[in-house]
Amino acid sequence: AFLEQILSGRLQLPAGEVSEPFIDADDIA
């Protein structure tokens, strides 16, 4: 869902300073 905005140069989301330990899908696989 975020790819198009990343390509545009600006990602806009309703998320502030809460952190998330993002997981690589290759690790899940």
Full PDB file with SEQRES, HELIX, SHEET, SSBOND, CRYST1, ORIGX, SCALE, CONECT and MASTER records, all heavy atoms in Angstrom:
SEQRES   1 A   29  ALA PHE LEU GLU GLN ILE LEU SER GLY ARG LEU GLN LEU          
SEQRES   2 A   29  PRO ALA GLY GLU VAL SER GLU PRO PHE ILE ASP ALA ASP          
SEQRES   3 A   29  ASP ILE ALA                                                  
HELIX    1 AA1 LEU A    3  SER A    8  1                                   6    
HELIX    2 AA2 ALA A   25  ILE A   28  1                                   4    
CRYST1    1.000    1.000    1.000  90.00  90.00  90.00 P 1           1          
ORIGX1      1.000000  0.000000  0.000000        0.00000                         
ORIGX2      0.000000  1.000000  0.000000        0.00000                         
ORIGX3      0.000000  0.000000  1.000000        0.00000                         
SCALE1      1.000000  0.000000  0.000000        0.00000                         
SCALE2      0.000000  1.000000  0.000000        0.00000                         
SCALE3      0.000000  0.000000  1.000000        0.00000                         
ATOM      1  N   ALA A   1       0.789  -1.226   0.000  1.00  0.00           N  
ATOM      2  CA  ALA A   1       0.000   0.000   0.000  1.00  0.00           C  
ATOM      3  C   ALA A   1       0.823   1.280   0.000  1.00  0.00           C  
ATOM      4  O   ALA A   1       0.336   2.328  -0.427  1.00  0.00           O  
ATOM      5  CB  ALA A   1      -0.925  -0.006   1.221  1.00  0.00           C  
ATOM      6  N   PHE A   2       2.080   1.210   0.465  1.00  0.00           N  
ATOM      7  CA  PHE A   2       2.863   2.437   0.597  1.00  0.00           C  
ATOM      8  C   PHE A   2       3.731   2.739  -0.618  1.00  0.00           C  
ATOM      9  O   PHE A   2       4.336   3.812  -0.696  1.00  0.00           O  
ATOM     10  CB  PHE A   2       3.773   2.363   1.830  1.00  0.00           C  
ATOM     11  CG  PHE A   2       3.073   2.004   3.111  1.00  0.00           C  
ATOM     12  CD1 PHE A   2       3.759   1.378   4.139  1.00  0.00           C  
ATOM     13  CD2 PHE A   2       1.726   2.295   3.304  1.00  0.00           C  
ATOM     14  CE1 PHE A   2       3.120   1.041   5.325  1.00  0.00           C  
ATOM     15  CE2 PHE A   2       1.073   1.963   4.484  1.00  0.00           C  
ATOM     16  CZ  PHE A   2       1.781   1.331   5.494  1.00  0.00           C  
ATOM     17  N   LEU A   3       3.836   1.807  -1.555  1.00  0.00           N  
ATOM     18  CA  LEU A   3       4.802   1.952  -2.642  1.00  0.00           C  
ATOM     19  C   LEU A   3       4.569   3.210  -3.475  1.00  0.00           C  
ATOM     20  O   LEU A   3       5.508   3.957  -3.776  1.00  0.00           O  
ATOM     21  CB  LEU A   3       4.777   0.720  -3.543  1.00  0.00           C  
ATOM     22  CG  LEU A   3       5.669   0.800  -4.802  1.00  0.00           C  
ATOM     23  CD1 LEU A   3       7.118   1.049  -4.422  1.00  0.00           C  
ATOM     24  CD2 LEU A   3       5.536  -0.472  -5.631  1.00  0.00           C  
ATOM     25  N   GLU A   4       3.333   3.451  -3.861  1.00  0.00           N  
ATOM     26  CA  GLU A   4       3.059   4.596  -4.742  1.00  0.00           C  
ATOM     27  C   GLU A   4       3.499   5.908  -4.103  1.00  0.00           C  
ATOM     28  O   GLU A   4       4.100   6.767  -4.769  1.00  0.00           O  
ATOM     29  CB  GLU A   4       1.564   4.645  -5.080  1.00  0.00           C  
ATOM     30  CG  GLU A   4       1.210   5.735  -6.081  1.00  0.00           C  
ATOM     31  CD  GLU A   4      -0.244   5.689  -6.510  1.00  0.00           C  
ATOM     32  OE1 GLU A   4      -0.916   4.670  -6.225  1.00  0.00           O  
ATOM     33  OE2 GLU A   4      -0.709   6.665  -7.115  1.00  0.00           O  
ATOM     34  N   GLN A   5       3.239   6.058  -2.809  1.00  0.00           N  
ATOM     35  CA  GLN A   5       3.639   7.292  -2.138  1.00  0.00           C  
ATOM     36  C   GLN A   5       5.157   7.377  -1.973  1.00  0.00           C  
ATOM     37  O   GLN A   5       5.746   8.470  -2.060  1.00  0.00           O  
ATOM     38  CB  GLN A   5       2.954   7.407  -0.771  1.00  0.00           C  
ATOM     39  CG  GLN A   5       1.448   7.645  -0.858  1.00  0.00           C  
ATOM     40  CD  GLN A   5       0.863   7.998   0.499  1.00  0.00           C  
ATOM     41  OE1 GLN A   5       1.246   8.984   1.108  1.00  0.00           O  
ATOM     42  NE2 GLN A   5      -0.066   7.168   0.963  1.00  0.00           N  
ATOM     43  N   ILE A   6       5.801   6.246  -1.727  1.00  0.00           N  
ATOM     44  CA  ILE A   6       7.268   6.249  -1.651  1.00  0.00           C  
ATOM     45  C   ILE A   6       7.852   6.728  -2.975  1.00  0.00           C  
ATOM     46  O   ILE A   6       8.779   7.544  -3.017  1.00  0.00           O  
ATOM     47  CB  ILE A   6       7.801   4.847  -1.301  1.00  0.00           C  
ATOM     48  CG1 ILE A   6       7.435   4.470   0.143  1.00  0.00           C  
ATOM     49  CG2 ILE A   6       9.313   4.771  -1.509  1.00  0.00           C  
ATOM     50  CD1 ILE A   6       8.118   5.288   1.210  1.00  0.00           C  
ATOM     51  N   LEU A   7       7.297   6.264  -4.074  1.00  0.00           N  
ATOM     52  CA  LEU A   7       7.773   6.684  -5.395  1.00  0.00           C  
ATOM     53  C   LEU A   7       7.517   8.168  -5.638  1.00  0.00           C  
ATOM     54  O   LEU A   7       8.294   8.838  -6.328  1.00  0.00           O  
ATOM     55  CB  LEU A   7       7.103   5.845  -6.484  1.00  0.00           C  
ATOM     56  CG  LEU A   7       7.476   4.359  -6.518  1.00  0.00           C  
ATOM     57  CD1 LEU A   7       6.658   3.629  -7.583  1.00  0.00           C  
ATOM     58  CD2 LEU A   7       8.963   4.181  -6.784  1.00  0.00           C  
ATOM     59  N   SER A   8       6.432   8.679  -5.049  1.00  0.00           N  
ATOM     60  CA  SER A   8       6.102  10.093  -5.233  1.00  0.00           C  
ATOM     61  C   SER A   8       6.995  10.998  -4.397  1.00  0.00           C  
ATOM     62  O   SER A   8       7.053  12.211  -4.624  1.00  0.00           O  
ATOM     63  CB  SER A   8       4.633  10.346  -4.865  1.00  0.00           C  
ATOM     64  OG  SER A   8       4.451  10.333  -3.454  1.00  0.00           O  
ATOM     65  N   GLY A   9       7.683  10.420  -3.397  1.00  0.00           N  
ATOM     66  CA  GLY A   9       8.577  11.202  -2.557  1.00  0.00           C  
ATOM     67  C   GLY A   9       7.982  11.660  -1.245  1.00  0.00           C  
ATOM     68  O   GLY A   9       8.651  12.356  -0.470  1.00  0.00           O  
ATOM     69  N   ARG A  10       6.754  11.251  -0.930  1.00  0.00           N  
ATOM     70  CA  ARG A  10       6.126  11.648   0.334  1.00  0.00           C  
ATOM     71  C   ARG A  10       5.123  10.584   0.761  1.00  0.00           C  
ATOM     72  O   ARG A  10       4.164  10.306   0.045  1.00  0.00           O  
ATOM     73  CB  ARG A  10       5.423  12.994   0.208  1.00  0.00           C  
ATOM     74  CG  ARG A  10       4.773  13.480   1.522  1.00  0.00           C  
ATOM     75  CD  ARG A  10       4.006  14.780   1.300  1.00  0.00           C  
ATOM     76  NE  ARG A  10       4.909  15.841   0.909  1.00  0.00           N  
ATOM     77  CZ  ARG A  10       5.513  16.663   1.776  1.00  0.00           C  
ATOM     78  NH1 ARG A  10       5.290  16.530   3.047  1.00  0.00           N  
ATOM     79  NH2 ARG A  10       6.313  17.607   1.348  1.00  0.00           N  
ATOM     80  N   LEU A  11       5.360  10.018   1.944  1.00  0.00           N  
ATOM     81  CA  LEU A  11       4.427   9.045   2.525  1.00  0.00           C  
ATOM     82  C   LEU A  11       3.627   9.741   3.615  1.00  0.00           C  
ATOM     83  O   LEU A  11       4.195  10.313   4.553  1.00  0.00           O  
ATOM     84  CB  LEU A  11       5.190   7.854   3.112  1.00  0.00           C  
ATOM     85  CG  LEU A  11       4.338   6.769   3.792  1.00  0.00           C  
ATOM     86  CD1 LEU A  11       3.374   6.123   2.806  1.00  0.00           C  
ATOM     87  CD2 LEU A  11       5.227   5.715   4.442  1.00  0.00           C  
ATOM     88  N   GLN A  12       2.306   9.691   3.510  1.00  0.00           N  
ATOM     89  CA  GLN A  12       1.413  10.332   4.463  1.00  0.00           C  
ATOM     90  C   GLN A  12       0.560   9.264   5.153  1.00  0.00           C  
ATOM     91  O   GLN A  12      -0.225   8.567   4.508  1.00  0.00           O  
ATOM     92  CB  GLN A  12       0.502  11.341   3.751  1.00  0.00           C  
ATOM     93  CG  GLN A  12       1.262  12.486   3.092  1.00  0.00           C  
ATOM     94  CD  GLN A  12       0.335  13.408   2.320  1.00  0.00           C  
ATOM     95  OE1 GLN A  12      -0.468  12.962   1.504  1.00  0.00           O  
ATOM     96  NE2 GLN A  12       0.445  14.706   2.576  1.00  0.00           N  
ATOM     97  N   LEU A  13       0.729   9.148   6.477  1.00  0.00           N  
ATOM     98  CA  LEU A  13       0.001   8.156   7.253  1.00  0.00           C  
ATOM     99  C   LEU A  13      -0.387   8.750   8.605  1.00  0.00           C  
ATOM    100  O   LEU A  13       0.274   9.664   9.100  1.00  0.00           O  
ATOM    101  CB  LEU A  13       0.871   6.908   7.496  1.00  0.00           C  
ATOM    102  CG  LEU A  13       1.276   6.081   6.274  1.00  0.00           C  
ATOM    103  CD1 LEU A  13       2.258   4.989   6.691  1.00  0.00           C  
ATOM    104  CD2 LEU A  13       0.065   5.482   5.590  1.00  0.00           C  
ATOM    105  N   PRO A  14      -1.429   8.192   9.241  1.00  0.00           N  
ATOM    106  CA  PRO A  14      -1.834   8.671  10.565  1.00  0.00           C  
ATOM    107  C   PRO A  14      -1.056   7.972  11.675  1.00  0.00           C  
ATOM    108  O   PRO A  14      -1.632   7.459  12.642  1.00  0.00           O  
ATOM    109  CB  PRO A  14      -3.324   8.314  10.608  1.00  0.00           C  
ATOM    110  CG  PRO A  14      -3.405   7.063   9.811  1.00  0.00           C  
ATOM    111  CD  PRO A  14      -2.402   7.220   8.693  1.00  0.00           C  
ATOM    112  N   ALA A  15       0.255   7.916  11.545  1.00  0.00           N  
ATOM    113  CA  ALA A  15       1.113   7.247  12.528  1.00  0.00           C  
ATOM    114  C   ALA A  15       2.166   8.231  13.002  1.00  0.00           C  
ATOM    115  O   ALA A  15       2.873   8.825  12.188  1.00  0.00           O  
ATOM    116  CB  ALA A  15       1.767   6.016  11.905  1.00  0.00           C  
ATOM    117  N   GLY A  16       2.268   8.389  14.321  1.00  0.00           N  
ATOM    118  CA  GLY A  16       3.207   9.342  14.887  1.00  0.00           C  
ATOM    119  C   GLY A  16       4.517   8.694  15.295  1.00  0.00           C  
ATOM    120  O   GLY A  16       5.195   8.084  14.479  1.00  0.00           O  
ATOM    121  N   GLU A  17       4.847   8.814  16.580  1.00  0.00           N  
ATOM    122  CA  GLU A  17       6.152   8.365  17.051  1.00  0.00           C  
ATOM    123  C   GLU A  17       6.135   6.957  17.643  1.00  0.00           C  
ATOM    124  O   GLU A  17       7.094   6.559  18.304  1.00  0.00           O  
ATOM    125  CB  GLU A  17       6.686   9.362  18.079  1.00  0.00           C  
ATOM    126  CG  GLU A  17       6.921  10.755  17.504  1.00  0.00           C  
ATOM    127  CD  GLU A  17       7.755  10.728  16.234  1.00  0.00           C  
ATOM    128  OE1 GLU A  17       8.864  10.145  16.258  1.00  0.00           O  
ATOM    129  OE2 GLU A  17       7.294  11.273  15.197  1.00  0.00           O  
ATOM    130  N   VAL A  18       5.065   6.218  17.432  1.00  0.00           N  
ATOM    131  CA  VAL A  18       5.032   4.822  17.864  1.00  0.00           C  
ATOM    132  C   VAL A  18       5.933   4.000  16.946  1.00  0.00           C  
ATOM    133  O   VAL A  18       5.891   4.136  15.730  1.00  0.00           O  
ATOM    134  CB  VAL A  18       3.596   4.272  17.841  1.00  0.00           C  
ATOM    135  CG1 VAL A  18       3.585   2.771  18.121  1.00  0.00           C  
ATOM    136  CG2 VAL A  18       2.736   5.008  18.847  1.00  0.00           C  
ATOM    137  N   SER A  19       6.743   3.150  17.523  1.00  0.00           N  
ATOM    138  CA  SER A  19       7.684   2.358  16.730  1.00  0.00           C  
ATOM    139  C   SER A  19       7.138   0.967  16.460  1.00  0.00           C  
ATOM    140  O   SER A  19       6.312   0.441  17.212  1.00  0.00           O  
ATOM    141  CB  SER A  19       9.038   2.263  17.439  1.00  0.00           C  
ATOM    142  OG  SER A  19       8.886   1.672  18.725  1.00  0.00           O  
ATOM    143  N   GLU A  20       7.623   0.370  15.390  1.00  0.00           N  
ATOM    144  CA  GLU A  20       7.184  -0.957  14.944  1.00  0.00           C  
ATOM    145  C   GLU A  20       8.409  -1.740  14.487  1.00  0.00           C  
ATOM    146  O   GLU A  20       9.217  -1.239  13.695  1.00  0.00           O  
ATOM    147  CB  GLU A  20       6.194  -0.819  13.786  1.00  0.00           C  
ATOM    148  CG  GLU A  20       5.771  -2.123  13.139  1.00  0.00           C  
ATOM    149  CD  GLU A  20       4.828  -2.963  13.982  1.00  0.00           C  
ATOM    150  OE1 GLU A  20       4.266  -2.422  14.953  1.00  0.00           O  
ATOM    151  OE2 GLU A  20       4.657  -4.155  13.680  1.00  0.00           O  
ATOM    152  N   PRO A  21       8.603  -2.974  14.963  1.00  0.00           N  
ATOM    153  CA  PRO A  21       9.742  -3.787  14.531  1.00  0.00           C  
ATOM    154  C   PRO A  21       9.428  -4.510  13.220  1.00  0.00           C  
ATOM    155  O   PRO A  21       9.131  -5.706  13.197  1.00  0.00           O  
ATOM    156  CB  PRO A  21       9.944  -4.762  15.689  1.00  0.00           C  
ATOM    157  CG  PRO A  21       8.575  -4.933  16.268  1.00  0.00           C  
ATOM    158  CD  PRO A  21       7.852  -3.633  16.054  1.00  0.00           C  
ATOM    159  N   PHE A  22       9.485  -3.785  12.122  1.00  0.00           N  
ATOM    160  CA  PHE A  22       9.088  -4.313  10.812  1.00  0.00           C  
ATOM    161  C   PHE A  22       9.805  -5.625  10.503  1.00  0.00           C  
ATOM    162  O   PHE A  22      11.011  -5.756  10.705  1.00  0.00           O  
ATOM    163  CB  PHE A  22       9.400  -3.287   9.721  1.00  0.00           C  
ATOM    164  CG  PHE A  22       8.639  -1.993   9.855  1.00  0.00           C  
ATOM    165  CD1 PHE A  22       9.247  -0.871  10.412  1.00  0.00           C  
ATOM    166  CD2 PHE A  22       7.326  -1.897   9.436  1.00  0.00           C  
ATOM    167  CE1 PHE A  22       8.551   0.324  10.540  1.00  0.00           C  
ATOM    168  CE2 PHE A  22       6.616  -0.711   9.557  1.00  0.00           C  
ATOM    169  CZ  PHE A  22       7.235   0.409  10.121  1.00  0.00           C  
ATOM    170  N   ILE A  23       9.039  -6.586   9.965  1.00  0.00           N  
ATOM    171  CA  ILE A  23       9.571  -7.914   9.657  1.00  0.00           C  
ATOM    172  C   ILE A  23       9.700  -8.088   8.151  1.00  0.00           C  
ATOM    173  O   ILE A  23       8.810  -7.703   7.389  1.00  0.00           O  
ATOM    174  CB  ILE A  23       8.665  -9.024  10.257  1.00  0.00           C  
ATOM    175  CG1 ILE A  23       9.203 -10.428   9.953  1.00  0.00           C  
ATOM    176  CG2 ILE A  23       7.231  -8.893   9.754  1.00  0.00           C  
ATOM    177  CD1 ILE A  23      10.365 -10.820  10.787  1.00  0.00           C  
ATOM    178  N   ASP A  24      10.801  -8.663   7.717  1.00  0.00           N  
ATOM    179  CA  ASP A  24      11.019  -8.948   6.303  1.00  0.00           C  
ATOM    180  C   ASP A  24      10.178 -10.162   5.900  1.00  0.00           C  
ATOM    181  O   ASP A  24      10.205 -11.198   6.571  1.00  0.00           O  
ATOM    182  CB  ASP A  24      12.507  -9.243   6.071  1.00  0.00           C  
ATOM    183  CG  ASP A  24      12.908  -9.232   4.613  1.00  0.00           C  
ATOM    184  OD1 ASP A  24      12.123  -9.725   3.769  1.00  0.00           O  
ATOM    185  OD2 ASP A  24      14.014  -8.750   4.303  1.00  0.00           O  
ATOM    186  N   ALA A  25       9.440 -10.048   4.811  1.00  0.00           N  
ATOM    187  CA  ALA A  25       8.605 -11.161   4.345  1.00  0.00           C  
ATOM    188  C   ALA A  25       9.434 -12.390   4.019  1.00  0.00           C  
ATOM    189  O   ALA A  25       8.923 -13.520   4.087  1.00  0.00           O  
ATOM    190  CB  ALA A  25       7.794 -10.733   3.122  1.00  0.00           C  
ATOM    191  N   ASP A  26      10.707 -12.207   3.678  1.00  0.00           N  
ATOM    192  CA  ASP A  26      11.571 -13.366   3.432  1.00  0.00           C  
ATOM    193  C   ASP A  26      11.814 -14.142   4.723  1.00  0.00           C  
ATOM    194  O   ASP A  26      11.927 -15.376   4.697  1.00  0.00           O  
ATOM    195  CB  ASP A  26      12.898 -12.918   2.820  1.00  0.00           C  
ATOM    196  CG  ASP A  26      12.755 -12.529   1.359  1.00  0.00           C  
ATOM    197  OD1 ASP A  26      12.133 -13.302   0.601  1.00  0.00           O  
ATOM    198  OD2 ASP A  26      13.246 -11.461   0.970  1.00  0.00           O  
ATOM    199  N   ASP A  27      11.888 -13.450   5.847  1.00  0.00           N  
ATOM    200  CA  ASP A  27      12.024 -14.146   7.126  1.00  0.00           C  
ATOM    201  C   ASP A  27      10.755 -14.925   7.457  1.00  0.00           C  
ATOM    202  O   ASP A  27      10.812 -16.047   7.975  1.00  0.00           O  
ATOM    203  CB  ASP A  27      12.305 -13.143   8.245  1.00  0.00           C  
ATOM    204  CG  ASP A  27      13.731 -12.606   8.217  1.00  0.00           C  
ATOM    205  OD1 ASP A  27      14.551 -13.130   7.446  1.00  0.00           O  
ATOM    206  OD2 ASP A  27      14.022 -11.655   8.969  1.00  0.00           O  
ATOM    207  N   ILE A  28       9.601 -14.330   7.150  1.00  0.00           N  
ATOM    208  CA  ILE A  28       8.336 -15.039   7.379  1.00  0.00           C  
ATOM    209  C   ILE A  28       8.287 -16.290   6.514  1.00  0.00           C  
ATOM    210  O   ILE A  28       7.886 -17.366   6.974  1.00  0.00           O  
ATOM    211  CB  ILE A  28       7.135 -14.132   7.072  1.00  0.00           C  
ATOM    212  CG1 ILE A  28       7.132 -12.919   7.995  1.00  0.00           C  
ATOM    213  CG2 ILE A  28       5.826 -14.910   7.203  1.00  0.00           C  
ATOM    214  CD1 ILE A  28       6.070 -11.896   7.650  1.00  0.00           C  
ATOM    215  N   ALA A  29       8.685 -16.163   5.252  1.00  0.00           N  
ATOM    216  CA  ALA A  29       8.673 -17.317   4.341  1.00  0.00           C  
ATOM    217  C   ALA A  29       9.590 -18.419   4.846  1.00  0.00           C  
ATOM    218  O   ALA A  29       9.225 -19.606   4.833  1.00  0.00           O  
ATOM    219  CB  ALA A  29       9.081 -16.879   2.940  1.00  0.00           C  
TER     220      ALA A  29                                                      
MASTER        0    0    0    2    0    0    0    6  219    1    0    3          
END                                                                             
